[in-house]
Amino acid sequence: MKTNRYEQPTMSLTNRVLAVVDDVRVAREAIRQLDASGVPEGHVDTLSGDVGLHRIDAHGTYGGRLTRFVRAVQSVSIEGEHLRRYEAELEQGRLVVDVPVLHAWNRQRVVDILRAQGAHFINAYGQWTIEPMAA
């Protein structure tokens, strides 16, 4: 299970499904099923701890000026609200599974797998849309 690639904060949630998972065993099983379903191996990311907080960076704390500007714009939108929720979940010791989904037909399959594993706060982010998939 690939976890916590240390990179710049995630600037855009476009073409992604993000979900909260309560423990690492559940995350491992979800990733195993996602890999088996055709999501390219290594594309699913599991965020946790301080490095996960760095990647979510809901307030633009870790990035440069561009990150702070983007987060300021997002802060007044539902996307900003979601980033703050993912950050709070990470602070409480949960994990966030991040799955790139480039095609709409893959989105529902990814959501179904995550939901079957007990993931919650599942959201699919499109080009100009956000679809809440599970509370």
C-alpha atoms as a PDB file:
ATOM      1  CA  MET A   1       0.000   0.000   0.000  1.00  0.00           C
ATOM      2  CA  LYS A   2       1.514   3.266  -1.094  1.00  0.00           C
ATOM      3  CA  THR A   3       1.090   5.927   1.547  1.00  0.00           C
ATOM      4  CA  ASN A   4       2.039   9.516   2.038  1.00  0.00           C
ATOM      5  CA  ARG A   5       4.032  10.481  -0.993  1.00  0.00           C
ATOM      6  CA  TYR A   6       5.723  13.648   0.164  1.00  0.00           C
ATOM      7  CA  GLU A   7       4.844  16.196  -2.465  1.00  0.00           C
ATOM      8  CA  GLN A   8       3.503  19.677  -2.740  1.00  0.00           C
ATOM      9  CA  PRO A   9      -0.026  20.160  -1.446  1.00  0.00           C
ATOM     10  CA  THR A  10      -2.728  18.840  -3.748  1.00  0.00           C
ATOM     11  CA  MET A  11      -3.860  21.932  -5.630  1.00  0.00           C
ATOM     12  CA  SER A  12      -6.909  20.565  -7.406  1.00  0.00           C
ATOM     13  CA  LEU A  13      -9.321  17.775  -6.564  1.00  0.00           C
ATOM     14  CA  THR A  14     -10.523  17.554 -10.177  1.00  0.00           C
ATOM     15  CA  ASN A  15     -10.941  13.998 -11.515  1.00  0.00           C
ATOM     16  CA  ARG A  16     -10.498  12.389  -8.115  1.00  0.00           C
ATOM     17  CA  VAL A  17     -12.506  10.443  -5.600  1.00  0.00           C
ATOM     18  CA  LEU A  18     -11.574  11.054  -1.972  1.00  0.00           C
ATOM     19  CA  ALA A  19     -12.880   9.027   0.946  1.00  0.00           C
ATOM     20  CA  VAL A  20     -12.254   8.718   4.666  1.00  0.00           C
ATOM     21  CA  VAL A  21     -11.289   5.308   6.041  1.00  0.00           C
ATOM     22  CA  ASP A  22     -11.098   4.587   9.754  1.00  0.00           C
ATOM     23  CA  ASP A  23      -8.113   2.225   9.864  1.00  0.00           C
ATOM     24  CA  VAL A  24      -5.183   1.003   7.827  1.00  0.00           C
ATOM     25  CA  ARG A  25      -6.496  -2.574   7.408  1.00  0.00           C
ATOM     26  CA  VAL A  26      -9.625  -1.279   5.708  1.00  0.00           C
ATOM     27  CA  ALA A  27      -7.518   1.023   3.524  1.00  0.00           C
ATOM     28  CA  ARG A  28      -5.285  -1.886   2.468  1.00  0.00           C
ATOM     29  CA  GLU A  29      -8.268  -4.021   1.495  1.00  0.00           C
ATOM     30  CA  ALA A  30      -9.891  -1.154  -0.412  1.00  0.00           C
ATOM     31  CA  ILE A  31      -6.657  -0.546  -2.324  1.00  0.00           C
ATOM     32  CA  ARG A  32      -6.294  -4.246  -3.077  1.00  0.00           C
ATOM     33  CA  GLN A  33      -9.810  -4.276  -4.523  1.00  0.00           C
ATOM     34  CA  LEU A  34      -9.250  -1.052  -6.445  1.00  0.00           C
ATOM     35  CA  ASP A  35      -6.063  -2.490  -7.974  1.00  0.00           C
ATOM     36  CA  ALA A  36      -7.938  -5.693  -8.889  1.00  0.00           C
ATOM     37  CA  SER A  37     -10.748  -3.655 -10.477  1.00  0.00           C
ATOM     38  CA  GLY A  38      -8.416  -2.013 -12.969  1.00  0.00           C
ATOM     39  CA  VAL A  39      -7.244   1.133 -11.218  1.00  0.00           C
ATOM     40  CA  PRO A  40      -3.576   1.216 -12.237  1.00  0.00           C
ATOM     41  CA  GLU A  41      -1.346  -0.066  -9.474  1.00  0.00           C
ATOM     42  CA  GLY A  42       0.373   2.740  -7.643  1.00  0.00           C
ATOM     43  CA  HIS A  43      -2.230   5.366  -8.562  1.00  0.00           C
ATOM     44  CA  VAL A  44      -4.210   5.118  -5.336  1.00  0.00           C
ATOM     45  CA  ASP A  45      -2.755   7.187  -2.530  1.00  0.00           C
ATOM     46  CA  THR A  46      -3.452   6.849   1.176  1.00  0.00           C
ATOM     47  CA  LEU A  47      -2.941   9.989   3.205  1.00  0.00           C
ATOM     48  CA  SER A  48      -2.310   9.876   6.932  1.00  0.00           C
ATOM     49  CA  GLY A  49      -0.616  11.760   9.727  1.00  0.00           C
ATOM     50  CA  ASP A  50       1.460  14.882   9.265  1.00  0.00           C
ATOM     51  CA  VAL A  51       2.393  14.106   5.685  1.00  0.00           C
ATOM     52  CA  GLY A  52      -1.293  13.664   4.826  1.00  0.00           C
ATOM     53  CA  LEU A  53      -2.024  17.009   6.444  1.00  0.00           C
ATOM     54  CA  HIS A  54       0.741  18.524   4.325  1.00  0.00           C
ATOM     55  CA  ARG A  55      -0.846  17.131   1.149  1.00  0.00           C
ATOM     56  CA  ILE A  56      -4.370  18.312   2.040  1.00  0.00           C
ATOM     57  CA  ASP A  57      -3.099  21.694   3.327  1.00  0.00           C
ATOM     58  CA  ALA A  58      -6.618  23.093   3.760  1.00  0.00           C
ATOM     59  CA  HIS A  59      -5.358  26.531   4.774  1.00  0.00           C
ATOM     60  CA  GLY A  60      -2.374  26.900   2.432  1.00  0.00           C
ATOM     61  CA  THR A  61       0.090  26.653   5.301  1.00  0.00           C
ATOM     62  CA  TYR A  62       2.681  24.450   3.604  1.00  0.00           C
ATOM     63  CA  GLY A  63       2.636  25.681   0.031  1.00  0.00           C
ATOM     64  CA  GLY A  64       3.853  28.882  -1.497  1.00  0.00           C
ATOM     65  CA  ARG A  65       1.917  31.931  -2.564  1.00  0.00           C
ATOM     66  CA  LEU A  66       0.030  30.099  -5.277  1.00  0.00           C
ATOM     67  CA  THR A  67      -1.191  27.471  -2.801  1.00  0.00           C
ATOM     68  CA  ARG A  68      -2.305  30.165  -0.361  1.00  0.00           C
ATOM     69  CA  PHE A  69      -4.165  31.983  -3.143  1.00  0.00           C
ATOM     70  CA  VAL A  70      -5.885  28.791  -4.371  1.00  0.00           C
ATOM     71  CA  ARG A  71      -6.859  27.827  -0.809  1.00  0.00           C
ATOM     72  CA  ALA A  72      -8.202  31.340  -0.158  1.00  0.00           C
ATOM     73  CA  VAL A  73     -10.450  31.038  -3.218  1.00  0.00           C
ATOM     74  CA  GLN A  74     -11.470  27.493  -2.268  1.00  0.00           C
ATOM     75  CA  SER A  75     -12.146  28.484   1.346  1.00  0.00           C
ATOM     76  CA  VAL A  76     -15.463  30.071   0.384  1.00  0.00           C
ATOM     77  CA  SER A  77     -16.621  27.045  -1.616  1.00  0.00           C
ATOM     78  CA  ILE A  78     -17.763  23.528  -0.844  1.00  0.00           C
ATOM     79  CA  GLU A  79     -14.325  22.329  -1.941  1.00  0.00           C
ATOM     80  CA  GLY A  80     -12.744  24.331   0.884  1.00  0.00           C
ATOM     81  CA  GLU A  81     -15.256  22.894   3.329  1.00  0.00           C
ATOM     82  CA  HIS A  82     -14.335  19.402   2.143  1.00  0.00           C
ATOM     83  CA  LEU A  83     -10.604  20.073   2.498  1.00  0.00           C
ATOM     84  CA  ARG A  84     -11.151  21.230   6.071  1.00  0.00           C
ATOM     85  CA  ARG A  85     -13.163  18.079   6.800  1.00  0.00           C
ATOM     86  CA  TYR A  86     -10.456  15.818   5.331  1.00  0.00           C
ATOM     87  CA  GLU A  87      -7.890  17.687   7.417  1.00  0.00           C
ATOM     88  CA  ALA A  88      -9.979  17.186  10.580  1.00  0.00           C
ATOM     89  CA  GLU A  89     -10.344  13.467   9.821  1.00  0.00           C
ATOM     90  CA  LEU A  90      -6.562  13.150   9.436  1.00  0.00           C
ATOM     91  CA  GLU A  91      -6.029  14.990  12.715  1.00  0.00           C
ATOM     92  CA  GLN A  92      -8.299  12.422  14.397  1.00  0.00           C
ATOM     93  CA  GLY A  93      -6.108   9.579  13.134  1.00  0.00           C
ATOM     94  CA  ARG A  94      -8.196   8.474  10.171  1.00  0.00           C
ATOM     95  CA  LEU A  95      -6.902   8.002   6.626  1.00  0.00           C
ATOM     96  CA  VAL A  96      -7.956   9.646   3.383  1.00  0.00           C
ATOM     97  CA  VAL A  97      -7.902   7.494   0.248  1.00  0.00           C
ATOM     98  CA  ASP A  98      -7.277   9.514  -2.926  1.00  0.00           C
ATOM     99  CA  VAL A  99      -8.101   7.839  -6.254  1.00  0.00           C
ATOM    100  CA  PRO A 100      -7.571   9.554  -9.618  1.00  0.00           C
ATOM    101  CA  VAL A 101     -10.598   8.902 -11.830  1.00  0.00           C
ATOM    102  CA  LEU A 102     -10.308  10.204 -15.369  1.00  0.00           C
ATOM    103  CA  HIS A 103     -13.463   8.607 -16.780  1.00  0.00           C
ATOM    104  CA  ALA A 104     -17.002   8.830 -15.408  1.00  0.00           C
ATOM    105  CA  TRP A 105     -17.563   5.096 -15.948  1.00  0.00           C
ATOM    106  CA  ASN A 106     -14.746   4.339 -13.471  1.00  0.00           C
ATOM    107  CA  ARG A 107     -16.077   6.698 -10.820  1.00  0.00           C
ATOM    108  CA  GLN A 108     -19.026   4.577  -9.712  1.00  0.00           C
ATOM    109  CA  ARG A 109     -16.914   1.425  -9.553  1.00  0.00           C
ATOM    110  CA  VAL A 110     -14.367   3.204  -7.326  1.00  0.00           C
ATOM    111  CA  VAL A 111     -17.132   4.596  -5.106  1.00  0.00           C
ATOM    112  CA  ASP A 112     -18.800   1.174  -4.809  1.00  0.00           C
ATOM    113  CA  ILE A 113     -15.549  -0.453  -3.699  1.00  0.00           C
ATOM    114  CA  LEU A 114     -14.819   2.261  -1.149  1.00  0.00           C
ATOM    115  CA  ARG A 115     -18.380   2.188   0.188  1.00  0.00           C
ATOM    116  CA  ALA A 116     -18.303  -1.634   0.477  1.00  0.00           C
ATOM    117  CA  GLN A 117     -15.173  -1.316   2.628  1.00  0.00           C
ATOM    118  CA  GLY A 118     -16.896   1.088   5.008  1.00  0.00           C
ATOM    119  CA  ALA A 119     -15.365   4.310   3.734  1.00  0.00           C
ATOM    120  CA  HIS A 120     -17.325   7.448   4.486  1.00  0.00           C
ATOM    121  CA  PHE A 121     -17.349  11.075   3.421  1.00  0.00           C
ATOM    122  CA  ILE A 122     -16.828   9.900  -0.159  1.00  0.00           C
ATOM    123  CA  ASN A 123     -16.827  12.652  -2.778  1.00  0.00           C
ATOM    124  CA  ALA A 124     -16.239  12.563  -6.523  1.00  0.00           C
ATOM    125  CA  TYR A 125     -14.693  15.721  -7.970  1.00  0.00           C
ATOM    126  CA  GLY A 126     -15.194  16.471 -11.651  1.00  0.00           C
ATOM    127  CA  GLN A 127     -14.143  19.381 -13.812  1.00  0.00           C
ATOM    128  CA  TRP A 128     -16.869  21.702 -12.499  1.00  0.00           C
ATOM    129  CA  THR A 129     -18.814  19.365 -10.229  1.00  0.00           C
ATOM    130  CA  ILE A 130     -18.650  17.766  -6.828  1.00  0.00           C
ATOM    131  CA  GLU A 131     -20.793  14.726  -6.208  1.00  0.00           C
ATOM    132  CA  PRO A 132     -21.260  13.631  -2.600  1.00  0.00           C
ATOM    133  CA  MET A 133     -21.370   9.834  -2.754  1.00  0.00           C
ATOM    134  CA  ALA A 134     -21.626   8.965   0.962  1.00  0.00           C
ATOM    135  CA  ALA A 135     -21.847  10.937   4.179  1.00  0.00           C
END
